[in-house]
Amino acid sequence: MSLFLLTKKTKFFAPVSGELEALSEVADPTIASGNMGVGYAVEPTAGAVYSPVAGTVTSLFPTHHAIGLKVGALEILLYLGIDTAELNGLPFTIQVAVGDQVTPETQLATMDLQQIKAAGKATTVTVLIFNATDKLDSFKCSAAKPVTAGTLVGKGAER
């Protein structure tokens, strides 16, 4: 997809260090299908989780496996692992609160990657833009590659 120059562009960053991959490569079929929105994923090599955007924390799931963010009109969900809600928050330490203003330099959480793997779950961190169909003219993300948390990986042109 190409980016249009007529609207505001939102920058998206790697939330963790690891291997950037397309949503279609994520082990969760619902996410991989694109039915939950556009976005990207990172297979983490470190447990420090940073904000993928400069925005506001809008929700923290009780199981600590997901964090809602908003930037402009975009609603973003950051998933920490796959099927990790079943772990009842044990491998996660959340470091922000609802209403906090965050940037890609803000650490949102810490994931215990070994504890997640020991429970038989995938550690994949996924960034989903839920309302992309209504609010984005385009979204472009880098090809699969190693990334460091805070690396610019994509841009979206808001309507």
N, C-alpha and C. Protein backbone atom coordinates (compact mmCIF):
# COMPACT_ATOMS: atom_id res chain seq x y z
N MET A 1 0.84 -1.19 0.00
CA MET A 1 0.00 0.00 0.00
C MET A 1 0.87 1.24 0.00
N SER A 2 0.44 2.23 -0.71
CA SER A 2 1.20 3.48 -0.69
C SER A 2 0.57 4.43 0.31
N LEU A 3 1.36 5.35 0.78
CA LEU A 3 0.87 6.34 1.72
C LEU A 3 0.39 7.57 0.98
N PHE A 4 -0.69 8.15 1.46
CA PHE A 4 -1.19 9.38 0.87
C PHE A 4 -0.63 10.56 1.65
N LEU A 5 -0.37 11.65 0.98
CA LEU A 5 0.25 12.81 1.61
C LEU A 5 -0.76 13.84 2.09
N LEU A 6 -2.05 13.56 1.96
CA LEU A 6 -3.04 14.58 2.25
C LEU A 6 -3.52 14.60 3.69
N THR A 7 -3.14 13.65 4.50
CA THR A 7 -3.64 13.60 5.87
C THR A 7 -2.52 13.37 6.87
N LYS A 8 -2.90 13.39 8.14
CA LYS A 8 -1.94 13.17 9.23
C LYS A 8 -1.40 11.74 9.17
N LYS A 9 -0.10 11.61 9.35
CA LYS A 9 0.52 10.29 9.39
C LYS A 9 0.88 9.94 10.82
N THR A 10 0.49 8.75 11.22
CA THR A 10 0.83 8.24 12.54
C THR A 10 1.99 7.28 12.38
N LYS A 11 3.00 7.43 13.23
CA LYS A 11 4.16 6.56 13.18
C LYS A 11 3.97 5.41 14.18
N PHE A 12 4.38 4.22 13.75
CA PHE A 12 4.30 3.03 14.58
C PHE A 12 5.69 2.47 14.80
N PHE A 13 5.97 2.06 16.04
CA PHE A 13 7.30 1.62 16.44
C PHE A 13 7.25 0.19 16.97
N ALA A 14 8.40 -0.47 16.97
CA ALA A 14 8.50 -1.81 17.54
C ALA A 14 8.30 -1.71 19.05
N PRO A 15 7.33 -2.46 19.62
CA PRO A 15 7.11 -2.39 21.06
C PRO A 15 8.12 -3.21 21.88
N VAL A 16 8.78 -4.13 21.21
CA VAL A 16 9.79 -4.97 21.87
C VAL A 16 10.93 -5.22 20.88
N SER A 17 12.07 -5.61 21.41
CA SER A 17 13.16 -6.05 20.54
C SER A 17 12.89 -7.48 20.11
N GLY A 18 13.20 -7.77 18.85
CA GLY A 18 12.97 -9.12 18.34
C GLY A 18 12.90 -9.14 16.83
N GLU A 19 12.07 -10.02 16.29
CA GLU A 19 11.93 -10.19 14.85
C GLU A 19 10.56 -9.68 14.40
N LEU A 20 10.56 -8.61 13.61
CA LEU A 20 9.32 -8.05 13.07
C LEU A 20 8.73 -9.03 12.07
N GLU A 21 7.41 -9.21 12.12
CA GLU A 21 6.76 -10.10 11.16
C GLU A 21 5.38 -9.56 10.79
N ALA A 22 4.88 -10.02 9.67
CA ALA A 22 3.55 -9.65 9.20
C ALA A 22 2.50 -10.33 10.07
N LEU A 23 1.32 -9.71 10.17
CA LEU A 23 0.23 -10.32 10.94
C LEU A 23 -0.10 -11.71 10.40
N SER A 24 0.01 -11.90 9.11
CA SER A 24 -0.33 -13.19 8.52
C SER A 24 0.54 -14.32 9.04
N GLU A 25 1.67 -14.00 9.67
CA GLU A 25 2.58 -15.00 10.22
C GLU A 25 2.28 -15.36 11.68
N VAL A 26 1.36 -14.63 12.32
CA VAL A 26 1.05 -14.85 13.73
C VAL A 26 0.31 -16.18 13.90
N ALA A 27 0.65 -16.93 14.94
CA ALA A 27 0.09 -18.26 15.18
C ALA A 27 -1.40 -18.25 15.53
N ASP A 28 -1.96 -17.12 15.90
CA ASP A 28 -3.38 -17.02 16.22
C ASP A 28 -4.14 -16.77 14.91
N PRO A 29 -5.01 -17.71 14.48
CA PRO A 29 -5.69 -17.55 13.19
C PRO A 29 -6.60 -16.32 13.10
N THR A 30 -7.18 -15.90 14.21
CA THR A 30 -8.05 -14.72 14.19
C THR A 30 -7.23 -13.47 13.89
N ILE A 31 -6.06 -13.36 14.50
CA ILE A 31 -5.19 -12.21 14.24
C ILE A 31 -4.60 -12.31 12.84
N ALA A 32 -4.12 -13.49 12.46
CA ALA A 32 -3.47 -13.69 11.17
C ALA A 32 -4.40 -13.41 10.00
N SER A 33 -5.70 -13.63 10.19
CA SER A 33 -6.67 -13.42 9.11
C SER A 33 -6.88 -11.94 8.81
N GLY A 34 -6.51 -11.06 9.74
CA GLY A 34 -6.74 -9.64 9.55
C GLY A 34 -8.12 -9.21 10.00
N ASN A 35 -8.93 -10.12 10.52
CA ASN A 35 -10.29 -9.79 10.96
C ASN A 35 -10.33 -8.85 12.16
N MET A 36 -9.23 -8.77 12.92
CA MET A 36 -9.20 -7.90 14.09
C MET A 36 -8.60 -6.53 13.77
N GLY A 37 -8.14 -6.35 12.54
CA GLY A 37 -7.55 -5.09 12.14
C GLY A 37 -6.20 -5.28 11.49
N VAL A 38 -5.64 -4.18 11.03
CA VAL A 38 -4.30 -4.21 10.43
C VAL A 38 -3.28 -3.99 11.54
N GLY A 39 -2.03 -4.31 11.22
CA GLY A 39 -0.98 -4.11 12.21
C GLY A 39 0.24 -4.92 11.89
N TYR A 40 0.94 -5.31 12.94
CA TYR A 40 2.19 -6.05 12.80
C TYR A 40 2.49 -6.78 14.10
N ALA A 41 3.48 -7.65 14.06
CA ALA A 41 3.85 -8.42 15.25
C ALA A 41 5.36 -8.49 15.37
N VAL A 42 5.81 -8.75 16.59
CA VAL A 42 7.24 -8.94 16.85
C VAL A 42 7.39 -10.17 17.73
N GLU A 43 8.29 -11.08 17.32
CA GLU A 43 8.67 -12.21 18.16
C GLU A 43 9.75 -11.67 19.09
N PRO A 44 9.46 -11.51 20.39
CA PRO A 44 10.39 -10.81 21.27
C PRO A 44 11.62 -11.63 21.68
N THR A 45 12.72 -10.90 21.85
CA THR A 45 13.94 -11.49 22.41
C THR A 45 14.22 -10.91 23.80
N ALA A 46 13.41 -9.93 24.20
CA ALA A 46 13.54 -9.30 25.51
C ALA A 46 12.13 -9.01 26.02
N GLY A 47 11.98 -8.93 27.35
CA GLY A 47 10.66 -8.78 27.95
C GLY A 47 10.18 -7.36 28.20
N ALA A 48 11.02 -6.35 27.92
CA ALA A 48 10.59 -4.96 28.13
C ALA A 48 9.67 -4.55 26.98
N VAL A 49 8.46 -4.09 27.32
CA VAL A 49 7.44 -3.72 26.32
C VAL A 49 7.23 -2.22 26.37
N TYR A 50 7.40 -1.57 25.21
CA TYR A 50 7.25 -0.12 25.09
C TYR A 50 6.03 0.21 24.24
N SER A 51 5.59 1.45 24.32
CA SER A 51 4.46 1.87 23.52
C SER A 51 4.82 1.87 22.04
N PRO A 52 3.93 1.36 21.20
CA PRO A 52 4.19 1.38 19.75
C PRO A 52 3.85 2.73 19.11
N VAL A 53 3.25 3.64 19.90
CA VAL A 53 2.83 4.95 19.38
C VAL A 53 2.97 6.02 20.46
N ALA A 54 2.87 7.26 20.04
CA ALA A 54 2.76 8.38 20.98
C ALA A 54 1.26 8.62 21.14
N GLY A 55 0.73 8.29 22.32
CA GLY A 55 -0.71 8.39 22.51
C GLY A 55 -1.09 8.31 23.98
N THR A 56 -2.29 7.78 24.22
CA THR A 56 -2.86 7.69 25.56
C THR A 56 -3.25 6.25 25.85
N VAL A 57 -2.99 5.80 27.08
CA VAL A 57 -3.44 4.48 27.52
C VAL A 57 -4.94 4.58 27.78
N THR A 58 -5.73 3.72 27.11
CA THR A 58 -7.18 3.77 27.26
C THR A 58 -7.74 2.59 28.03
N SER A 59 -7.01 1.48 28.07
CA SER A 59 -7.50 0.34 28.83
C SER A 59 -6.35 -0.60 29.19
N LEU A 60 -6.53 -1.25 30.34
CA LEU A 60 -5.61 -2.28 30.81
C LEU A 60 -6.46 -3.50 31.15
N PHE A 61 -6.21 -4.60 30.48
CA PHE A 61 -7.00 -5.79 30.73
C PHE A 61 -6.66 -6.35 32.11
N PRO A 62 -7.64 -6.87 32.85
CA PRO A 62 -7.39 -7.41 34.19
C PRO A 62 -6.34 -8.53 34.19
N THR A 63 -6.23 -9.24 33.08
CA THR A 63 -5.26 -10.33 32.96
C THR A 63 -3.90 -9.83 32.49
N HIS A 64 -3.77 -8.53 32.30
CA HIS A 64 -2.52 -7.85 31.93
C HIS A 64 -1.93 -8.30 30.60
N HIS A 65 -2.67 -9.05 29.81
CA HIS A 65 -2.15 -9.54 28.53
C HIS A 65 -2.37 -8.57 27.37
N ALA A 66 -3.09 -7.48 27.62
CA ALA A 66 -3.38 -6.54 26.54
C ALA A 66 -3.53 -5.13 27.10
N ILE A 67 -3.12 -4.17 26.27
CA ILE A 67 -3.18 -2.75 26.64
C ILE A 67 -3.80 -1.99 25.49
N GLY A 68 -4.83 -1.20 25.79
CA GLY A 68 -5.47 -0.37 24.78
C GLY A 68 -4.81 1.00 24.74
N LEU A 69 -4.63 1.52 23.52
CA LEU A 69 -4.02 2.83 23.31
C LEU A 69 -4.84 3.60 22.29
N LYS A 70 -4.73 4.92 22.35
CA LYS A 70 -5.39 5.77 21.35
C LYS A 70 -4.42 6.84 20.92
N VAL A 71 -4.35 7.05 19.61
CA VAL A 71 -3.56 8.13 19.05
C VAL A 71 -4.41 8.76 17.95
N GLY A 72 -4.72 10.04 18.11
CA GLY A 72 -5.64 10.67 17.17
C GLY A 72 -6.97 9.94 17.24
N ALA A 73 -7.48 9.54 16.08
CA ALA A 73 -8.73 8.79 16.03
C ALA A 73 -8.50 7.28 16.03
N LEU A 74 -7.25 6.85 16.07
CA LEU A 74 -6.93 5.43 15.96
C LEU A 74 -7.00 4.73 17.31
N GLU A 75 -7.65 3.56 17.32
CA GLU A 75 -7.74 2.72 18.51
C GLU A 75 -6.83 1.52 18.29
N ILE A 76 -5.88 1.34 19.20
CA ILE A 76 -4.84 0.33 19.04
C ILE A 76 -4.87 -0.62 20.22
N LEU A 77 -4.68 -1.90 19.93
CA LEU A 77 -4.59 -2.89 20.99
C LEU A 77 -3.24 -3.57 20.89
N LEU A 78 -2.53 -3.60 21.99
CA LEU A 78 -1.23 -4.24 22.10
C LEU A 78 -1.43 -5.55 22.85
N TYR A 79 -1.28 -6.66 22.13
CA TYR A 79 -1.42 -7.99 22.75
C TYR A 79 -0.05 -8.50 23.15
N LEU A 80 0.06 -9.00 24.37
CA LEU A 80 1.30 -9.56 24.89
C LEU A 80 1.19 -11.08 24.91
N GLY A 81 1.69 -11.72 23.88
CA GLY A 81 1.62 -13.17 23.77
C GLY A 81 0.32 -13.61 23.12
N ILE A 82 0.21 -14.92 22.95
CA ILE A 82 -0.99 -15.52 22.35
C ILE A 82 -1.62 -16.46 23.38
N ASP A 83 -2.91 -16.27 23.59
CA ASP A 83 -3.66 -17.04 24.59
C ASP A 83 -3.11 -16.86 26.01
N THR A 84 -2.46 -15.74 26.25
CA THR A 84 -1.86 -15.51 27.57
C THR A 84 -2.86 -14.97 28.60
N ALA A 85 -4.08 -14.65 28.17
CA ALA A 85 -5.12 -14.25 29.14
C ALA A 85 -5.34 -15.38 30.14
N GLU A 86 -5.13 -16.62 29.68
CA GLU A 86 -5.32 -17.80 30.53
C GLU A 86 -4.32 -17.85 31.68
N LEU A 87 -3.26 -17.05 31.60
CA LEU A 87 -2.22 -17.06 32.65
C LEU A 87 -2.54 -16.10 33.79
N ASN A 88 -3.71 -15.42 33.71
CA ASN A 88 -4.20 -14.55 34.78
C ASN A 88 -3.21 -13.48 35.24
N GLY A 89 -2.42 -12.95 34.32
CA GLY A 89 -1.53 -11.84 34.63
C GLY A 89 -0.20 -12.20 35.23
N LEU A 90 0.03 -13.47 35.56
CA LEU A 90 1.24 -13.86 36.26
C LEU A 90 2.55 -13.48 35.56
N PRO A 91 2.67 -13.63 34.23
CA PRO A 91 3.96 -13.30 33.62
C PRO A 91 4.13 -11.82 33.26
N PHE A 92 3.21 -10.96 33.68
CA PHE A 92 3.24 -9.56 33.27
C PHE A 92 3.29 -8.60 34.46
N THR A 93 4.07 -7.54 34.30
CA THR A 93 4.07 -6.43 35.25
C THR A 93 3.73 -5.18 34.45
N ILE A 94 2.60 -4.56 34.74
CA ILE A 94 2.15 -3.36 34.03
C ILE A 94 2.74 -2.13 34.73
N GLN A 95 3.25 -1.19 33.96
CA GLN A 95 3.94 -0.03 34.52
C GLN A 95 3.27 1.31 34.18
N VAL A 96 2.03 1.24 33.65
CA VAL A 96 1.30 2.46 33.31
C VAL A 96 -0.13 2.34 33.85
N ALA A 97 -0.86 3.43 33.78
CA ALA A 97 -2.25 3.45 34.21
C ALA A 97 -3.11 4.05 33.09
N VAL A 98 -4.39 3.75 33.12
CA VAL A 98 -5.32 4.34 32.16
C VAL A 98 -5.24 5.86 32.28
N GLY A 99 -5.15 6.53 31.13
CA GLY A 99 -5.05 7.98 31.09
C GLY A 99 -3.63 8.49 30.92
N ASP A 100 -2.64 7.63 31.15
CA ASP A 100 -1.25 8.04 30.98
C ASP A 100 -0.95 8.40 29.52
N GLN A 101 -0.20 9.48 29.35
CA GLN A 101 0.32 9.83 28.03
C GLN A 101 1.61 9.06 27.84
N VAL A 102 1.76 8.39 26.69
CA VAL A 102 2.93 7.55 26.45
C VAL A 102 3.57 7.87 25.11
N THR A 103 4.83 7.51 25.00
CA THR A 103 5.60 7.64 23.76
C THR A 103 6.32 6.32 23.53
N PRO A 104 6.97 6.16 22.39
CA PRO A 104 7.73 4.92 22.16
C PRO A 104 8.88 4.73 23.16
N GLU A 105 9.20 5.74 23.94
CA GLU A 105 10.23 5.61 24.98
C GLU A 105 9.64 5.18 26.33
N THR A 106 8.30 5.09 26.40
CA THR A 106 7.63 4.73 27.65
C THR A 106 7.51 3.22 27.77
N GLN A 107 8.09 2.66 28.83
CA GLN A 107 7.92 1.23 29.06
C GLN A 107 6.54 1.00 29.66
N LEU A 108 5.73 0.20 28.97
CA LEU A 108 4.37 -0.08 29.40
C LEU A 108 4.30 -1.27 30.35
N ALA A 109 5.14 -2.27 30.07
CA ALA A 109 5.05 -3.52 30.82
C ALA A 109 6.35 -4.31 30.70
N THR A 110 6.41 -5.35 31.51
CA THR A 110 7.49 -6.33 31.40
C THR A 110 6.83 -7.70 31.27
N MET A 111 7.31 -8.49 30.32
CA MET A 111 6.83 -9.86 30.12
C MET A 111 7.91 -10.82 30.59
N ASP A 112 7.52 -11.84 31.33
CA ASP A 112 8.46 -12.90 31.70
C ASP A 112 8.37 -13.94 30.59
N LEU A 113 9.25 -13.82 29.60
CA LEU A 113 9.20 -14.68 28.41
C LEU A 113 9.35 -16.15 28.78
N GLN A 114 10.21 -16.47 29.73
CA GLN A 114 10.41 -17.87 30.13
C GLN A 114 9.15 -18.46 30.76
N GLN A 115 8.48 -17.67 31.59
CA GLN A 115 7.25 -18.15 32.23
C GLN A 115 6.16 -18.39 31.19
N ILE A 116 6.07 -17.52 30.20
CA ILE A 116 5.08 -17.68 29.13
C ILE A 116 5.37 -18.96 28.33
N LYS A 117 6.63 -19.15 27.96
CA LYS A 117 7.02 -20.35 27.20
C LYS A 117 6.81 -21.61 28.02
N ALA A 118 7.13 -21.56 29.32
CA ALA A 118 6.95 -22.72 30.19
C ALA A 118 5.48 -23.12 30.29
N ALA A 119 4.57 -22.16 30.12
CA ALA A 119 3.14 -22.43 30.15
C ALA A 119 2.64 -22.93 28.79
N GLY A 120 3.55 -23.05 27.82
CA GLY A 120 3.17 -23.55 26.50
C GLY A 120 2.52 -22.51 25.61
N LYS A 121 2.75 -21.24 25.90
CA LYS A 121 2.15 -20.15 25.12
C LYS A 121 3.20 -19.46 24.27
N ALA A 122 2.75 -18.84 23.19
CA ALA A 122 3.64 -18.06 22.33
C ALA A 122 3.84 -16.67 22.93
N THR A 123 5.03 -16.11 22.76
CA THR A 123 5.36 -14.79 23.32
C THR A 123 5.14 -13.65 22.33
N THR A 124 4.63 -13.92 21.15
CA THR A 124 4.43 -12.93 20.11
C THR A 124 3.71 -11.68 20.63
N VAL A 125 4.28 -10.50 20.36
CA VAL A 125 3.65 -9.23 20.72
C VAL A 125 3.04 -8.66 19.45
N THR A 126 1.73 -8.38 19.51
CA THR A 126 0.99 -7.93 18.33
C THR A 126 0.44 -6.53 18.54
N VAL A 127 0.56 -5.70 17.51
CA VAL A 127 -0.01 -4.35 17.51
C VAL A 127 -1.13 -4.34 16.48
N LEU A 128 -2.36 -4.12 16.94
CA LEU A 128 -3.53 -4.12 16.06
C LEU A 128 -4.20 -2.75 16.05
N ILE A 129 -4.55 -2.26 14.87
CA ILE A 129 -5.32 -1.03 14.74
C ILE A 129 -6.75 -1.47 14.45
N PHE A 130 -7.60 -1.39 15.48
CA PHE A 130 -8.96 -1.91 15.38
C PHE A 130 -9.83 -1.19 14.36
N ASN A 131 -9.75 0.11 14.34
CA ASN A 131 -10.66 0.88 13.49
C ASN A 131 -9.98 1.38 12.22
N ALA A 132 -9.04 0.63 11.72
CA ALA A 132 -8.29 1.04 10.52
C ALA A 132 -9.20 1.24 9.32
N THR A 133 -10.21 0.40 9.18
CA THR A 133 -11.11 0.48 8.03
C THR A 133 -11.79 1.84 7.97
N ASP A 134 -12.19 2.36 9.13
CA ASP A 134 -12.89 3.64 9.20
C ASP A 134 -11.97 4.85 9.27
N LYS A 135 -10.78 4.68 9.83
CA LYS A 135 -9.96 5.83 10.16
C LYS A 135 -8.64 5.96 9.38
N LEU A 136 -8.23 4.92 8.65
CA LEU A 136 -6.97 4.99 7.91
C LEU A 136 -7.21 4.92 6.42
N ASP A 137 -6.51 5.77 5.68
CA ASP A 137 -6.51 5.66 4.23
C ASP A 137 -5.51 4.61 3.80
N SER A 138 -4.44 4.45 4.58
CA SER A 138 -3.41 3.46 4.26
C SER A 138 -2.60 3.11 5.49
N PHE A 139 -1.97 1.96 5.43
CA PHE A 139 -1.04 1.53 6.48
C PHE A 139 0.10 0.81 5.78
N LYS A 140 1.31 1.20 6.12
CA LYS A 140 2.48 0.57 5.51
C LYS A 140 3.44 0.18 6.62
N CYS A 141 3.93 -1.06 6.55
CA CYS A 141 4.83 -1.58 7.57
C CYS A 141 6.07 -2.16 6.90
N SER A 142 7.19 -2.07 7.60
CA SER A 142 8.44 -2.63 7.10
C SER A 142 8.31 -4.13 6.87
N ALA A 143 9.18 -4.68 6.06
CA ALA A 143 9.25 -6.12 5.84
C ALA A 143 9.86 -6.78 7.07
N ALA A 144 9.70 -8.08 7.16
CA ALA A 144 10.24 -8.85 8.28
C ALA A 144 11.74 -8.58 8.43
N LYS A 145 12.14 -8.31 9.68
CA LYS A 145 13.55 -8.03 9.95
C LYS A 145 13.76 -7.96 11.45
N PRO A 146 15.01 -8.07 11.91
CA PRO A 146 15.28 -7.86 13.34
C PRO A 146 15.06 -6.38 13.68
N VAL A 147 14.47 -6.13 14.86
CA VAL A 147 14.23 -4.76 15.30
C VAL A 147 14.58 -4.62 16.78
N THR A 148 14.86 -3.39 17.15
CA THR A 148 15.07 -3.03 18.54
C THR A 148 13.84 -2.25 18.97
N ALA A 149 13.40 -2.42 20.22
CA ALA A 149 12.25 -1.65 20.71
C ALA A 149 12.48 -0.18 20.40
N GLY A 150 11.45 0.49 19.89
CA GLY A 150 11.55 1.90 19.55
C GLY A 150 11.92 2.16 18.10
N THR A 151 12.21 1.11 17.32
CA THR A 151 12.51 1.26 15.89
C THR A 151 11.24 1.60 15.13
N LEU A 152 11.28 2.61 14.27
CA LEU A 152 10.14 2.95 13.41
C LEU A 152 9.91 1.79 12.46
N VAL A 153 8.70 1.24 12.46
CA VAL A 153 8.40 0.08 11.59
C VAL A 153 7.23 0.32 10.64
N GLY A 154 6.44 1.37 10.87
CA GLY A 154 5.29 1.59 10.00
C GLY A 154 4.73 2.98 10.11
N LYS A 155 3.85 3.30 9.14
CA LYS A 155 3.15 4.57 9.13
C LYS A 155 1.74 4.35 8.63
N GLY A 156 0.83 5.11 9.20
CA GLY A 156 -0.56 5.06 8.75
C GLY A 156 -1.01 6.47 8.44
N ALA A 157 -1.74 6.62 7.33
CA ALA A 157 -2.28 7.93 6.96
C ALA A 157 -3.74 7.97 7.41
N GLU A 158 -4.01 8.84 8.41
CA GLU A 158 -5.37 8.96 8.92
C GLU A 158 -6.24 9.76 7.96
N ARG A 159 -7.52 9.41 7.96
CA ARG A 159 -8.48 10.14 7.14
C ARG A 159 -8.80 11.46 7.78
